[in-house]
Amino acid sequence: MCVSMHTVRWLRQQGYEVVHLREEGLQRLPDNQVLEKARAEQRVVLTMDLNFGYLLAISKAVLPSVILFRLEDKRSEIVNERLSAVLRQCKEDLEKGAIVVVNEASIRVRRLPIQSKP
């Protein structure tokens, strides 16, 4: 969601099996249905939309994982550079279920399900 087709092509060049919702005519799919589709297809959601993290947190779901970009500069070159770091550093977290928040300076990982504080 909100990720450039340049990033999709870059991921494919890296050997990842990637689907952009726009390619399937599903770019207007409601967020909860995007998460369900990703869960059913065992995919990771790449997005710039904070709503996905919120929906996962309240759902108590373990999957799908979400990579949430919080970048000032959203050019695909910058997204790809930060995504490359995430894929190297967070492989196991993404496989087991996590929300990974990425900005220019850091990568934060929150494992799923999100536990509410007492």
PDB file of N, CA and C in Angstrom:
ATOM      1  N   MET A   1       0.842  -1.174   0.000  1.00  0.00           N
ATOM      2  CA  MET A   1       0.000   0.000   0.000  1.00  0.00           C
ATOM      3  C   MET A   1       0.888   1.238   0.000  1.00  0.00           C
ATOM      4  N   CYS A   2       0.664   2.107  -0.958  1.00  0.00           N
ATOM      5  CA  CYS A   2       1.404   3.368  -1.086  1.00  0.00           C
ATOM      6  C   CYS A   2       2.876   3.153  -1.427  1.00  0.00           C
ATOM      7  N   VAL A   3       3.241   1.983  -1.878  1.00  0.00           N
ATOM      8  CA  VAL A   3       4.625   1.699  -2.241  1.00  0.00           C
ATOM      9  C   VAL A   3       4.732   1.721  -3.764  1.00  0.00           C
ATOM     10  N   SER A   4       5.804   2.332  -4.238  1.00  0.00           N
ATOM     11  CA  SER A   4       6.026   2.521  -5.666  1.00  0.00           C
ATOM     12  C   SER A   4       6.222   1.199  -6.414  1.00  0.00           C
ATOM     13  N   MET A   5       5.814   1.201  -7.660  1.00  0.00           N
ATOM     14  CA  MET A   5       6.066   0.049  -8.521  1.00  0.00           C
ATOM     15  C   MET A   5       7.571  -0.129  -8.750  1.00  0.00           C
ATOM     16  N   HIS A   6       8.357   0.944  -8.601  1.00  0.00           N
ATOM     17  CA  HIS A   6       9.815   0.820  -8.699  1.00  0.00           C
ATOM     18  C   HIS A   6      10.331  -0.118  -7.603  1.00  0.00           C
ATOM     19  N   THR A   7       9.761  -0.003  -6.422  1.00  0.00           N
ATOM     20  CA  THR A   7      10.151  -0.879  -5.310  1.00  0.00           C
ATOM     21  C   THR A   7       9.709  -2.310  -5.587  1.00  0.00           C
ATOM     22  N   VAL A   8       8.533  -2.472  -6.169  1.00  0.00           N
ATOM     23  CA  VAL A   8       8.057  -3.811  -6.533  1.00  0.00           C
ATOM     24  C   VAL A   8       9.033  -4.452  -7.526  1.00  0.00           C
ATOM     25  N   ARG A   9       9.419  -3.711  -8.534  1.00  0.00           N
ATOM     26  CA  ARG A   9      10.368  -4.253  -9.531  1.00  0.00           C
ATOM     27  C   ARG A   9      11.718  -4.569  -8.880  1.00  0.00           C
ATOM     28  N   TRP A  10      12.177  -3.691  -7.999  1.00  0.00           N
ATOM     29  CA  TRP A  10      13.450  -3.909  -7.304  1.00  0.00           C
ATOM     30  C   TRP A  10      13.390  -5.197  -6.476  1.00  0.00           C
ATOM     31  N   LEU A  11      12.295  -5.412  -5.761  1.00  0.00           N
ATOM     32  CA  LEU A  11      12.136  -6.633  -4.964  1.00  0.00           C
ATOM     33  C   LEU A  11      12.148  -7.875  -5.851  1.00  0.00           C
ATOM     34  N   ARG A  12      11.497  -7.785  -6.992  1.00  0.00           N
ATOM     35  CA  ARG A  12      11.495  -8.921  -7.924  1.00  0.00           C
ATOM     36  C   ARG A  12      12.903  -9.211  -8.423  1.00  0.00           C
ATOM     37  N   GLN A  13      13.675  -8.164  -8.677  1.00  0.00           N
ATOM     38  CA  GLN A  13      15.063  -8.360  -9.104  1.00  0.00           C
ATOM     39  C   GLN A  13      15.889  -9.034  -8.016  1.00  0.00           C
ATOM     40  N   GLN A  14      15.487  -8.839  -6.753  1.00  0.00           N
ATOM     41  CA  GLN A  14      16.174  -9.470  -5.621  1.00  0.00           C
ATOM     42  C   GLN A  14      15.697 -10.903  -5.401  1.00  0.00           C
ATOM     43  N   GLY A  15      14.715 -11.345  -6.186  1.00  0.00           N
ATOM     44  CA  GLY A  15      14.244 -12.714  -6.102  1.00  0.00           C
ATOM     45  C   GLY A  15      13.003 -12.917  -5.245  1.00  0.00           C
ATOM     46  N   TYR A  16      12.379 -11.835  -4.814  1.00  0.00           N
ATOM     47  CA  TYR A  16      11.163 -11.947  -3.993  1.00  0.00           C
ATOM     48  C   TYR A  16       9.930 -12.066  -4.887  1.00  0.00           C
ATOM     49  N   GLU A  17       8.974 -12.847  -4.429  1.00  0.00           N
ATOM     50  CA  GLU A  17       7.688 -12.960  -5.114  1.00  0.00           C
ATOM     51  C   GLU A  17       6.791 -11.858  -4.553  1.00  0.00           C
ATOM     52  N   VAL A  18       6.543 -10.846  -5.358  1.00  0.00           N
ATOM     53  CA  VAL A  18       5.865  -9.646  -4.897  1.00  0.00           C
ATOM     54  C   VAL A  18       4.607  -9.407  -5.716  1.00  0.00           C
ATOM     55  N   VAL A  19       3.560  -8.946  -5.031  1.00  0.00           N
ATOM     56  CA  VAL A  19       2.324  -8.562  -5.707  1.00  0.00           C
ATOM     57  C   VAL A  19       1.944  -7.174  -5.201  1.00  0.00           C
ATOM     58  N   HIS A  20       1.666  -6.284  -6.124  1.00  0.00           N
ATOM     59  CA  HIS A  20       1.144  -4.955  -5.763  1.00  0.00           C
ATOM     60  C   HIS A  20      -0.362  -5.012  -5.971  1.00  0.00           C
ATOM     61  N   LEU A  21      -1.103  -4.485  -5.038  1.00  0.00           N
ATOM     62  CA  LEU A  21      -2.563  -4.530  -5.155  1.00  0.00           C
ATOM     63  C   LEU A  21      -3.055  -3.904  -6.453  1.00  0.00           C
ATOM     64  N   ARG A  22      -2.365  -2.879  -6.920  1.00  0.00           N
ATOM     65  CA  ARG A  22      -2.749  -2.219  -8.172  1.00  0.00           C
ATOM     66  C   ARG A  22      -2.702  -3.201  -9.346  1.00  0.00           C
ATOM     67  N   GLU A  23      -1.748  -4.128  -9.332  1.00  0.00           N
ATOM     68  CA  GLU A  23      -1.633  -5.111 -10.415  1.00  0.00           C
ATOM     69  C   GLU A  23      -2.844  -6.034 -10.471  1.00  0.00           C
ATOM     70  N   GLU A  24      -3.498  -6.217  -9.333  1.00  0.00           N
ATOM     71  CA  GLU A  24      -4.665  -7.093  -9.264  1.00  0.00           C
ATOM     72  C   GLU A  24      -5.976  -6.306  -9.255  1.00  0.00           C
ATOM     73  N   GLY A  25      -5.881  -4.983  -9.437  1.00  0.00           N
ATOM     74  CA  GLY A  25      -7.079  -4.142  -9.424  1.00  0.00           C
ATOM     75  C   GLY A  25      -7.699  -4.025  -8.044  1.00  0.00           C
ATOM     76  N   LEU A  26      -6.903  -4.215  -7.001  1.00  0.00           N
ATOM     77  CA  LEU A  26      -7.421  -4.217  -5.627  1.00  0.00           C
ATOM     78  C   LEU A  26      -6.922  -3.046  -4.789  1.00  0.00           C
ATOM     79  N   GLN A  27      -6.475  -1.970  -5.428  1.00  0.00           N
ATOM     80  CA  GLN A  27      -5.905  -0.849  -4.689  1.00  0.00           C
ATOM     81  C   GLN A  27      -6.904  -0.156  -3.756  1.00  0.00           C
ATOM     82  N   ARG A  28      -8.183  -0.377  -3.937  1.00  0.00           N
ATOM     83  CA  ARG A  28      -9.201   0.226  -3.069  1.00  0.00           C
ATOM     84  C   ARG A  28      -9.729  -0.759  -2.018  1.00  0.00           C
ATOM     85  N   LEU A  29      -9.110  -1.898  -1.918  1.00  0.00           N
ATOM     86  CA  LEU A  29      -9.512  -2.906  -0.943  1.00  0.00           C
ATOM     87  C   LEU A  29      -9.377  -2.320   0.471  1.00  0.00           C
ATOM     88  N   PRO A  30     -10.379  -2.489   1.325  1.00  0.00           N
ATOM     89  CA  PRO A  30     -10.278  -1.987   2.698  1.00  0.00           C
ATOM     90  C   PRO A  30      -9.076  -2.599   3.428  1.00  0.00           C
ATOM     91  N   ASP A  31      -8.488  -1.839   4.334  1.00  0.00           N
ATOM     92  CA  ASP A  31      -7.266  -2.260   5.024  1.00  0.00           C
ATOM     93  C   ASP A  31      -7.398  -3.626   5.687  1.00  0.00           C
ATOM     94  N   ASN A  32      -8.519  -3.880   6.354  1.00  0.00           N
ATOM     95  CA  ASN A  32      -8.672  -5.174   7.031  1.00  0.00           C
ATOM     96  C   ASN A  32      -8.676  -6.325   6.020  1.00  0.00           C
ATOM     97  N   GLN A  33      -9.201  -6.086   4.816  1.00  0.00           N
ATOM     98  CA  GLN A  33      -9.195  -7.120   3.785  1.00  0.00           C
ATOM     99  C   GLN A  33      -7.798  -7.296   3.174  1.00  0.00           C
ATOM    100  N   VAL A  34      -7.032  -6.212   3.129  1.00  0.00           N
ATOM    101  CA  VAL A  34      -5.640  -6.313   2.673  1.00  0.00           C
ATOM    102  C   VAL A  34      -4.869  -7.213   3.632  1.00  0.00           C
ATOM    103  N   LEU A  35      -5.060  -6.999   4.936  1.00  0.00           N
ATOM    104  CA  LEU A  35      -4.378  -7.830   5.930  1.00  0.00           C
ATOM    105  C   LEU A  35      -4.809  -9.290   5.814  1.00  0.00           C
ATOM    106  N   GLU A  36      -6.081  -9.521   5.603  1.00  0.00           N
ATOM    107  CA  GLU A  36      -6.567 -10.883   5.475  1.00  0.00           C
ATOM    108  C   GLU A  36      -5.995 -11.555   4.220  1.00  0.00           C
ATOM    109  N   LYS A  37      -5.944 -10.820   3.127  1.00  0.00           N
ATOM    110  CA  LYS A  37      -5.355 -11.342   1.883  1.00  0.00           C
ATOM    111  C   LYS A  37      -3.877 -11.677   2.107  1.00  0.00           C
ATOM    112  N   ALA A  38      -3.153 -10.792   2.755  1.00  0.00           N
ATOM    113  CA  ALA A  38      -1.732 -11.033   3.031  1.00  0.00           C
ATOM    114  C   ALA A  38      -1.553 -12.255   3.928  1.00  0.00           C
ATOM    115  N   ARG A  39      -2.411 -12.390   4.923  1.00  0.00           N
ATOM    116  CA  ARG A  39      -2.338 -13.550   5.829  1.00  0.00           C
ATOM    117  C   ARG A  39      -2.602 -14.844   5.042  1.00  0.00           C
ATOM    118  N   ALA A  40      -3.636 -14.847   4.223  1.00  0.00           N
ATOM    119  CA  ALA A  40      -4.005 -16.032   3.450  1.00  0.00           C
ATOM    120  C   ALA A  40      -2.912 -16.421   2.447  1.00  0.00           C
ATOM    121  N   GLU A  41      -2.233 -15.428   1.885  1.00  0.00           N
ATOM    122  CA  GLU A  41      -1.201 -15.676   0.879  1.00  0.00           C
ATOM    123  C   GLU A  41       0.207 -15.740   1.476  1.00  0.00           C
ATOM    124  N   GLN A  42       0.293 -15.633   2.808  1.00  0.00           N
ATOM    125  CA  GLN A  42       1.573 -15.665   3.518  1.00  0.00           C
ATOM    126  C   GLN A  42       2.539 -14.615   2.992  1.00  0.00           C
ATOM    127  N   ARG A  43       2.056 -13.366   2.965  1.00  0.00           N
ATOM    128  CA  ARG A  43       2.846 -12.245   2.472  1.00  0.00           C
ATOM    129  C   ARG A  43       3.121 -11.249   3.593  1.00  0.00           C
ATOM    130  N   VAL A  44       4.051 -10.363   3.341  1.00  0.00           N
ATOM    131  CA  VAL A  44       4.359  -9.231   4.215  1.00  0.00           C
ATOM    132  C   VAL A  44       3.794  -7.993   3.550  1.00  0.00           C
ATOM    133  N   VAL A  45       3.125  -7.150   4.326  1.00  0.00           N
ATOM    134  CA  VAL A  45       2.560  -5.911   3.799  1.00  0.00           C
ATOM    135  C   VAL A  45       3.606  -4.808   3.927  1.00  0.00           C
ATOM    136  N   LEU A  46       3.878  -4.120   2.823  1.00  0.00           N
ATOM    137  CA  LEU A  46       4.739  -2.941   2.826  1.00  0.00           C
ATOM    138  C   LEU A  46       3.824  -1.737   2.667  1.00  0.00           C
ATOM    139  N   THR A  47       3.956  -0.767   3.574  1.00  0.00           N
ATOM    140  CA  THR A  47       3.019   0.351   3.555  1.00  0.00           C
ATOM    141  C   THR A  47       3.610   1.602   4.175  1.00  0.00           C
ATOM    142  N   MET A  48       2.964   2.712   3.914  1.00  0.00           N
ATOM    143  CA  MET A  48       3.257   3.985   4.571  1.00  0.00           C
ATOM    144  C   MET A  48       2.047   4.425   5.380  1.00  0.00           C
ATOM    145  N   ASP A  49       1.065   3.558   5.492  1.00  0.00           N
ATOM    146  CA  ASP A  49      -0.212   3.837   6.156  1.00  0.00           C
ATOM    147  C   ASP A  49      -0.192   3.284   7.576  1.00  0.00           C
ATOM    148  N   LEU A  50      -0.252   4.173   8.568  1.00  0.00           N
ATOM    149  CA  LEU A  50      -0.208   3.783   9.980  1.00  0.00           C
ATOM    150  C   LEU A  50      -1.359   2.875  10.393  1.00  0.00           C
ATOM    151  N   ASN A  51      -2.447   2.921   9.669  1.00  0.00           N
ATOM    152  CA  ASN A  51      -3.628   2.155  10.039  1.00  0.00           C
ATOM    153  C   ASN A  51      -3.354   0.652  10.117  1.00  0.00           C
ATOM    154  N   PHE A  52      -2.431   0.154   9.317  1.00  0.00           N
ATOM    155  CA  PHE A  52      -2.151  -1.284   9.315  1.00  0.00           C
ATOM    156  C   PHE A  52      -1.573  -1.744  10.649  1.00  0.00           C
ATOM    157  N   GLY A  53      -0.678  -0.972  11.215  1.00  0.00           N
ATOM    158  CA  GLY A  53      -0.129  -1.305  12.524  1.00  0.00           C
ATOM    159  C   GLY A  53      -1.206  -1.301  13.588  1.00  0.00           C
ATOM    160  N   TYR A  54      -2.061  -0.308  13.539  1.00  0.00           N
ATOM    161  CA  TYR A  54      -3.169  -0.218  14.499  1.00  0.00           C
ATOM    162  C   TYR A  54      -4.095  -1.431  14.381  1.00  0.00           C
ATOM    163  N   LEU A  55      -4.491  -1.774  13.167  1.00  0.00           N
ATOM    164  CA  LEU A  55      -5.391  -2.908  12.965  1.00  0.00           C
ATOM    165  C   LEU A  55      -4.778  -4.218  13.474  1.00  0.00           C
ATOM    166  N   LEU A  56      -3.489  -4.403  13.225  1.00  0.00           N
ATOM    167  CA  LEU A  56      -2.832  -5.607  13.725  1.00  0.00           C
ATOM    168  C   LEU A  56      -2.777  -5.618  15.247  1.00  0.00           C
ATOM    169  N   ALA A  57      -2.489  -4.474  15.824  1.00  0.00           N
ATOM    170  CA  ALA A  57      -2.393  -4.398  17.284  1.00  0.00           C
ATOM    171  C   ALA A  57      -3.718  -4.753  17.952  1.00  0.00           C
ATOM    172  N   ILE A  58      -4.817  -4.217  17.452  1.00  0.00           N
ATOM    173  CA  ILE A  58      -6.106  -4.495  18.100  1.00  0.00           C
ATOM    174  C   ILE A  58      -6.635  -5.882  17.777  1.00  0.00           C
ATOM    175  N   SER A  59      -6.156  -6.473  16.684  1.00  0.00           N
ATOM    176  CA  SER A  59      -6.651  -7.790  16.289  1.00  0.00           C
ATOM    177  C   SER A  59      -6.010  -8.921  17.085  1.00  0.00           C
ATOM    178  N   LYS A  60      -4.867  -8.650  17.702  1.00  0.00           N
ATOM    179  CA  LYS A  60      -4.090  -9.678  18.424  1.00  0.00           C
ATOM    180  C   LYS A  60      -3.574 -10.764  17.480  1.00  0.00           C
ATOM    181  N   ALA A  61      -3.547 -10.464  16.183  1.00  0.00           N
ATOM    182  CA  ALA A  61      -3.084 -11.432  15.193  1.00  0.00           C
ATOM    183  C   ALA A  61      -1.568 -11.606  15.267  1.00  0.00           C
ATOM    184  N   VAL A  62      -1.102 -12.759  14.821  1.00  0.00           N
ATOM    185  CA  VAL A  62       0.329 -13.054  14.773  1.00  0.00           C
ATOM    186  C   VAL A  62       0.887 -12.747  13.377  1.00  0.00           C
ATOM    187  N   LEU A  63       0.068 -12.865  12.370  1.00  0.00           N
ATOM    188  CA  LEU A  63       0.452 -12.589  10.983  1.00  0.00           C
ATOM    189  C   LEU A  63      -0.679 -11.850  10.299  1.00  0.00           C
ATOM    190  N   PRO A  64      -0.429 -11.112   9.245  1.00  0.00           N
ATOM    191  CA  PRO A  64       0.824 -10.982   8.516  1.00  0.00           C
ATOM    192  C   PRO A  64       1.733  -9.956   9.170  1.00  0.00           C
ATOM    193  N   SER A  65       2.998 -10.017   8.805  1.00  0.00           N
ATOM    194  CA  SER A  65       3.925  -8.973   9.219  1.00  0.00           C
ATOM    195  C   SER A  65       3.693  -7.739   8.359  1.00  0.00           C
ATOM    196  N   VAL A  66       4.049  -6.594   8.925  1.00  0.00           N
ATOM    197  CA  VAL A  66       3.910  -5.326   8.218  1.00  0.00           C
ATOM    198  C   VAL A  66       5.213  -4.554   8.342  1.00  0.00           C
ATOM    199  N   ILE A  67       5.688  -4.035   7.224  1.00  0.00           N
ATOM    200  CA  ILE A  67       6.806  -3.097   7.227  1.00  0.00           C
ATOM    201  C   ILE A  67       6.197  -1.725   6.975  1.00  0.00           C
ATOM    202  N   LEU A  68       6.332  -0.856   7.960  1.00  0.00           N
ATOM    203  CA  LEU A  68       5.713   0.467   7.934  1.00  0.00           C
ATOM    204  C   LEU A  68       6.799   1.518   7.739  1.00  0.00           C
ATOM    205  N   PHE A  69       6.773   2.185   6.599  1.00  0.00           N
ATOM    206  CA  PHE A  69       7.761   3.217   6.287  1.00  0.00           C
ATOM    207  C   PHE A  69       7.296   4.569   6.815  1.00  0.00           C
ATOM    208  N   ARG A  70       8.135   5.189   7.627  1.00  0.00           N
ATOM    209  CA  ARG A  70       7.875   6.529   8.179  1.00  0.00           C
ATOM    210  C   ARG A  70       9.007   7.449   7.716  1.00  0.00           C
ATOM    211  N   LEU A  71       9.157   7.561   6.418  1.00  0.00           N
ATOM    212  CA  LEU A  71      10.265   8.300   5.819  1.00  0.00           C
ATOM    213  C   LEU A  71       9.834   9.688   5.385  1.00  0.00           C
ATOM    214  N   GLU A  72      10.709  10.653   5.594  1.00  0.00           N
ATOM    215  CA  GLU A  72      10.468  12.005   5.064  1.00  0.00           C
ATOM    216  C   GLU A  72      10.598  11.977   3.541  1.00  0.00           C
ATOM    217  N   ASP A  73      11.647  11.323   3.063  1.00  0.00           N
ATOM    218  CA  ASP A  73      11.918  11.213   1.636  1.00  0.00           C
ATOM    219  C   ASP A  73      11.390   9.854   1.166  1.00  0.00           C
ATOM    220  N   LYS A  74      10.322   9.873   0.400  1.00  0.00           N
ATOM    221  CA  LYS A  74       9.651   8.638  -0.006  1.00  0.00           C
ATOM    222  C   LYS A  74      10.033   8.177  -1.409  1.00  0.00           C
ATOM    223  N   ARG A  75      11.105   8.732  -1.961  1.00  0.00           N
ATOM    224  CA  ARG A  75      11.556   8.281  -3.280  1.00  0.00           C
ATOM    225  C   ARG A  75      11.920   6.803  -3.209  1.00  0.00           C
ATOM    226  N   SER A  76      11.670   6.087  -4.292  1.00  0.00           N
ATOM    227  CA  SER A  76      11.874   4.636  -4.294  1.00  0.00           C
ATOM    228  C   SER A  76      13.320   4.255  -3.974  1.00  0.00           C
ATOM    229  N   GLU A  77      14.291   5.063  -4.359  1.00  0.00           N
ATOM    230  CA  GLU A  77      15.689   4.740  -4.055  1.00  0.00           C
ATOM    231  C   GLU A  77      15.914   4.688  -2.547  1.00  0.00           C
ATOM    232  N   ILE A  78      15.302   5.620  -1.835  1.00  0.00           N
ATOM    233  CA  ILE A  78      15.441   5.680  -0.375  1.00  0.00           C
ATOM    234  C   ILE A  78      14.683   4.526   0.260  1.00  0.00           C
ATOM    235  N   VAL A  79      13.462   4.292  -0.197  1.00  0.00           N
ATOM    236  CA  VAL A  79      12.658   3.176   0.322  1.00  0.00           C
ATOM    237  C   VAL A  79      13.418   1.866   0.101  1.00  0.00           C
ATOM    238  N   ASN A  80      13.959   1.657  -1.084  1.00  0.00           N
ATOM    239  CA  ASN A  80      14.675   0.417  -1.401  1.00  0.00           C
ATOM    240  C   ASN A  80      15.909   0.238  -0.514  1.00  0.00           C
ATOM    241  N   GLU A  81      16.630   1.317  -0.278  1.00  0.00           N
ATOM    242  CA  GLU A  81      17.816   1.254   0.577  1.00  0.00           C
ATOM    243  C   GLU A  81      17.440   0.835   2.004  1.00  0.00           C
ATOM    244  N   ARG A  82      16.402   1.458   2.553  1.00  0.00           N
ATOM    245  CA  ARG A  82      15.965   1.122   3.917  1.00  0.00           C
ATOM    246  C   ARG A  82      15.355  -0.279   3.947  1.00  0.00           C
ATOM    247  N   LEU A  83      14.610  -0.642   2.909  1.00  0.00           N
ATOM    248  CA  LEU A  83      14.011  -1.974   2.839  1.00  0.00           C
ATOM    249  C   LEU A  83      15.084  -3.057   2.789  1.00  0.00           C
ATOM    250  N   SER A  84      16.155  -2.798   2.082  1.00  0.00           N
ATOM    251  CA  SER A  84      17.265  -3.749   2.016  1.00  0.00           C
ATOM    252  C   SER A  84      17.806  -4.018   3.417  1.00  0.00           C
ATOM    253  N   ALA A  85      17.957  -2.977   4.219  1.00  0.00           N
ATOM    254  CA  ALA A  85      18.437  -3.139   5.598  1.00  0.00           C
ATOM    255  C   ALA A  85      17.436  -3.944   6.420  1.00  0.00           C
ATOM    256  N   VAL A  86      16.151  -3.672   6.259  1.00  0.00           N
ATOM    257  CA  VAL A  86      15.116  -4.408   6.995  1.00  0.00           C
ATOM    258  C   VAL A  86      15.166  -5.888   6.642  1.00  0.00           C
ATOM    259  N   LEU A  87      15.248  -6.192   5.370  1.00  0.00           N
ATOM    260  CA  LEU A  87      15.242  -7.588   4.935  1.00  0.00           C
ATOM    261  C   LEU A  87      16.464  -8.345   5.441  1.00  0.00           C
ATOM    262  N   ARG A  88      17.597  -7.665   5.571  1.00  0.00           N
ATOM    263  CA  ARG A  88      18.804  -8.295   6.120  1.00  0.00           C
ATOM    264  C   ARG A  88      18.674  -8.507   7.628  1.00  0.00           C
ATOM    265  N   GLN A  89      18.177  -7.503   8.334  1.00  0.00           N
ATOM    266  CA  GLN A  89      18.198  -7.511   9.794  1.00  0.00           C
ATOM    267  C   GLN A  89      16.985  -8.179  10.442  1.00  0.00           C
ATOM    268  N   CYS A  90      15.869  -8.241   9.750  1.00  0.00           N
ATOM    269  CA  CYS A  90      14.606  -8.630  10.397  1.00  0.00           C
ATOM    270  C   CYS A  90      13.955  -9.873   9.791  1.00  0.00           C
ATOM    271  N   LYS A  91      14.705 -10.679   9.083  1.00  0.00           N
ATOM    272  CA  LYS A  91      14.143 -11.841   8.395  1.00  0.00           C
ATOM    273  C   LYS A  91      13.340 -12.733   9.334  1.00  0.00           C
ATOM    274  N   GLU A  92      13.923 -13.114  10.450  1.00  0.00           N
ATOM    275  CA  GLU A  92      13.244 -14.010  11.384  1.00  0.00           C
ATOM    276  C   GLU A  92      11.999 -13.356  11.993  1.00  0.00           C
ATOM    277  N   ASP A  93      12.109 -12.084  12.349  1.00  0.00           N
ATOM    278  CA  ASP A  93      10.952 -11.363  12.900  1.00  0.00           C
ATOM    279  C   ASP A  93       9.803 -11.341  11.902  1.00  0.00           C
ATOM    280  N   LEU A  94      10.108 -11.062  10.649  1.00  0.00           N
ATOM    281  CA  LEU A  94       9.073 -11.004   9.620  1.00  0.00           C
ATOM    282  C   LEU A  94       8.427 -12.367   9.397  1.00  0.00           C
ATOM    283  N   GLU A  95       9.200 -13.425   9.480  1.00  0.00           N
ATOM    284  CA  GLU A  95       8.651 -14.768   9.303  1.00  0.00           C
ATOM    285  C   GLU A  95       7.730 -15.164  10.447  1.00  0.00           C
ATOM    286  N   LYS A  96       8.050 -14.727  11.662  1.00  0.00           N
ATOM    287  CA  LYS A  96       7.273 -15.121  12.846  1.00  0.00           C
ATOM    288  C   LYS A  96       6.115 -14.176  13.142  1.00  0.00           C
ATOM    289  N   GLY A  97       6.159 -12.973  12.581  1.00  0.00           N
ATOM    290  CA  GLY A  97       5.093 -12.000  12.778  1.00  0.00           C
ATOM    291  C   GLY A  97       5.574 -10.775  13.529  1.00  0.00           C
ATOM    292  N   ALA A  98       5.604  -9.640  12.836  1.00  0.00           N
ATOM    293  CA  ALA A  98       6.099  -8.409  13.452  1.00  0.00           C
ATOM    294  C   ALA A  98       5.586  -7.193  12.695  1.00  0.00           C
ATOM    295  N   ILE A  99       5.582  -6.088  13.413  1.00  0.00           N
ATOM    296  CA  ILE A  99       5.418  -4.781  12.785  1.00  0.00           C
ATOM    297  C   ILE A  99       6.804  -4.153  12.827  1.00  0.00           C
ATOM    298  N   VAL A 100       7.337  -3.812  11.669  1.00  0.00           N
ATOM    299  CA  VAL A 100       8.655  -3.204  11.574  1.00  0.00           C
ATOM    300  C   VAL A 100       8.468  -1.772  11.100  1.00  0.00           C
ATOM    301  N   VAL A 101       8.870  -0.830  11.943  1.00  0.00           N
ATOM    302  CA  VAL A 101       8.724   0.590  11.629  1.00  0.00           C
ATOM    303  C   VAL A 101      10.090   1.116  11.203  1.00  0.00           C
ATOM    304  N   VAL A 102      10.108   1.719  10.017  1.00  0.00           N
ATOM    305  CA  VAL A 102      11.363   2.134   9.396  1.00  0.00           C
ATOM    306  C   VAL A 102      11.354   3.641   9.171  1.00  0.00           C
ATOM    307  N   ASN A 103      12.384   4.322   9.698  1.00  0.00           N
ATOM    308  CA  ASN A 103      12.587   5.719   9.332  1.00  0.00           C
ATOM    309  C   ASN A 103      14.025   5.888   8.874  1.00  0.00           C
ATOM    310  N   GLU A 104      14.450   7.112   8.656  1.00  0.00           N
ATOM    311  CA  GLU A 104      15.795   7.355   8.141  1.00  0.00           C
ATOM    312  C   GLU A 104      16.878   6.878   9.106  1.00  0.00           C
ATOM    313  N   ALA A 105      16.608   6.956  10.399  1.00  0.00           N
ATOM    314  CA  ALA A 105      17.647   6.692  11.395  1.00  0.00           C
ATOM    315  C   ALA A 105      17.539   5.337  12.081  1.00  0.00           C
ATOM    316  N   SER A 106      16.377   4.692  12.023  1.00  0.00           N
ATOM    317  CA  SER A 106      16.227   3.475  12.813  1.00  0.00           C
ATOM    318  C   SER A 106      15.249   2.485  12.188  1.00  0.00           C
ATOM    319  N   ILE A 107      15.343   1.271  12.703  1.00  0.00           N
ATOM    320  CA  ILE A 107      14.414   0.192  12.378  1.00  0.00           C
ATOM    321  C   ILE A 107      13.946  -0.363  13.713  1.00  0.00           C
ATOM    322  N   ARG A 108      12.652  -0.244  14.000  1.00  0.00           N
ATOM    323  CA  ARG A 108      12.099  -0.759  15.252  1.00  0.00           C
ATOM    324  C   ARG A 108      11.227  -1.965  14.951  1.00  0.00           C
ATOM    325  N   VAL A 109      11.385  -3.007  15.760  1.00  0.00           N
ATOM    326  CA  VAL A 109      10.635  -4.238  15.561  1.00  0.00           C
ATOM    327  C   VAL A 109       9.736  -4.459  16.762  1.00  0.00           C
ATOM    328  N   ARG A 110       8.483  -4.707  16.482  1.00  0.00           N
ATOM    329  CA  ARG A 110       7.508  -5.064  17.517  1.00  0.00           C
ATOM    330  C   ARG A 110       6.903  -6.400  17.124  1.00  0.00           C
ATOM    331  N   ARG A 111       7.208  -7.434  17.899  1.00  0.00           N
ATOM    332  CA  ARG A 111       6.708  -8.770  17.590  1.00  0.00           C
ATOM    333  C   ARG A 111       5.205  -8.848  17.823  1.00  0.00           C
ATOM    334  N   LEU A 112       4.566  -9.677  17.029  1.00  0.00           N
ATOM    335  CA  LEU A 112       3.134  -9.907  17.136  1.00  0.00           C
ATOM    336  C   LEU A 112       2.884 -11.190  17.919  1.00  0.00           C
ATOM    337  N   PRO A 113       1.794 -11.305  18.614  1.00  0.00           N
ATOM    338  CA  PRO A 113       0.750 -10.286  18.773  1.00  0.00           C
ATOM    339  C   PRO A 113       1.197  -9.206  19.753  1.00  0.00           C
ATOM    340  N   ILE A 114       0.641  -8.011  19.571  1.00  0.00           N
ATOM    341  CA  ILE A 114       0.937  -6.889  20.461  1.00  0.00           C
ATOM    342  C   ILE A 114       0.206  -7.145  21.780  1.00  0.00           C
ATOM    343  N   GLN A 115       0.960  -7.156  22.855  1.00  0.00           N
ATOM    344  CA  GLN A 115       0.376  -7.379  24.180  1.00  0.00           C
ATOM    345  C   GLN A 115      -0.027  -6.041  24.778  1.00  0.00           C
ATOM    346  N   SER A 116      -1.247  -5.941  25.273  1.00  0.00           N
ATOM    347  CA  SER A 116      -1.685  -4.708  25.932  1.00  0.00           C
ATOM    348  C   SER A 116      -1.070  -4.667  27.324  1.00  0.00           C
ATOM    349  N   LYS A 117      -0.760  -3.463  27.755  1.00  0.00           N
ATOM    350  CA  LYS A 117      -0.147  -3.278  29.071  1.00  0.00           C
ATOM    351  C   LYS A 117      -1.239  -3.275  30.134  1.00  0.00           C
ATOM    352  N   PRO A 118      -0.950  -3.922  31.289  1.00  0.00           N
ATOM    353  CA  PRO A 118      -1.980  -3.982  32.347  1.00  0.00           C
ATOM    354  C   PRO A 118      -2.271  -2.631  32.949  1.00  0.00           C
TER     355      PRO A 118
END
